[in-house]
């Protein structure tokens, strides 16, 4: 057998290199599965005219190098000239490798589940999260597998870990799991998960804030979830602070601003933004003729611009001369030099 989980995985490797998982095998690797050029398990084995089987991508690259260097086309193993560069797919071998991979991934997924339980060592949890990322990045359809295996709630539970590394990796994993997958987003939206993610925006560690804002940005692409994000007390105010921050990294500031842009799809969110000073979304809707339920609240008096927009909107909406008169008085008071 080609090594156990612990022998094949290096926790300190935070780069996300998927090749480490290709070395994780529950079943032994057969020599016939390995490409003699790359020394890795083949994905698309093809056979040369001399009967040698190699990985298609590797041999095509070799042929291209021969052509660029104006050399004769030779076999990279025997160094003998090939009369033909025709590649014959080894369908039977490819199918056997695929079945072998499927069995290994199923066993590895079961191992990952066991290591995700609370109380597991930090290194074990990190290994499991990395493996889930690897599966999702390898094939979009694996996100369906992760969902059906009910691993998403287990990843969410990792957000409560006392380990900062685990929390960061869990946020990163959730982002990968939900990307372009509405079903997985809806699972994350259950319970208080979004509220938990929003709380990370206030954490001292910048890495946690960065991962949290990236996750919220992905969630905010759904209009239904945008409304739920906005309903979390203080979420929009925190996002506006991040979007205008000079101390955050530029990428974080950009993500916060884009997230706010997605939240603008919901009227309630637009109203909250206006109450805390972000007036452009509300003004845009009013100019487009949107019928909004704008009622003065106690918080709107802290933002004169928002109160001004309410008065203006009512004067236009109701053709009310009194409101329009009030609008002009407020303009004079707020902007006497205009």
Foldseek 3Di string as FASTA:
>chain_A
DQDALVVQDDLVPPPLPLVSVQSHFPDDDDPVQAFPVPRGGEQWWWAAPVGHIHHPVVLVVVQVVCVVVVHADADPVVRHGGPDPDIHTPVVSNVVSVVRVVVRLVVVLVQLVVQLDPPHDPSSVSSSLSSLLSQCVVDVCCLVVCVVVVCLVSLLVQCPDPDPVSNLSSLQSLLSSPAVNVVSLVVCLPDCNLLSLLVQCPDPDLSSNQSSLSSLLRSLLDQVSLVVNLVRPCSLVSLVCLLPDPPHDPVSNVSSVSSLVSSLVDLVSQLVCVLVPNPVSVVVCVVVVHDHDDDDDPSNVVPLVSVLVVLVSVCVVVVDPVSVVVSVVSCCVVPVPD
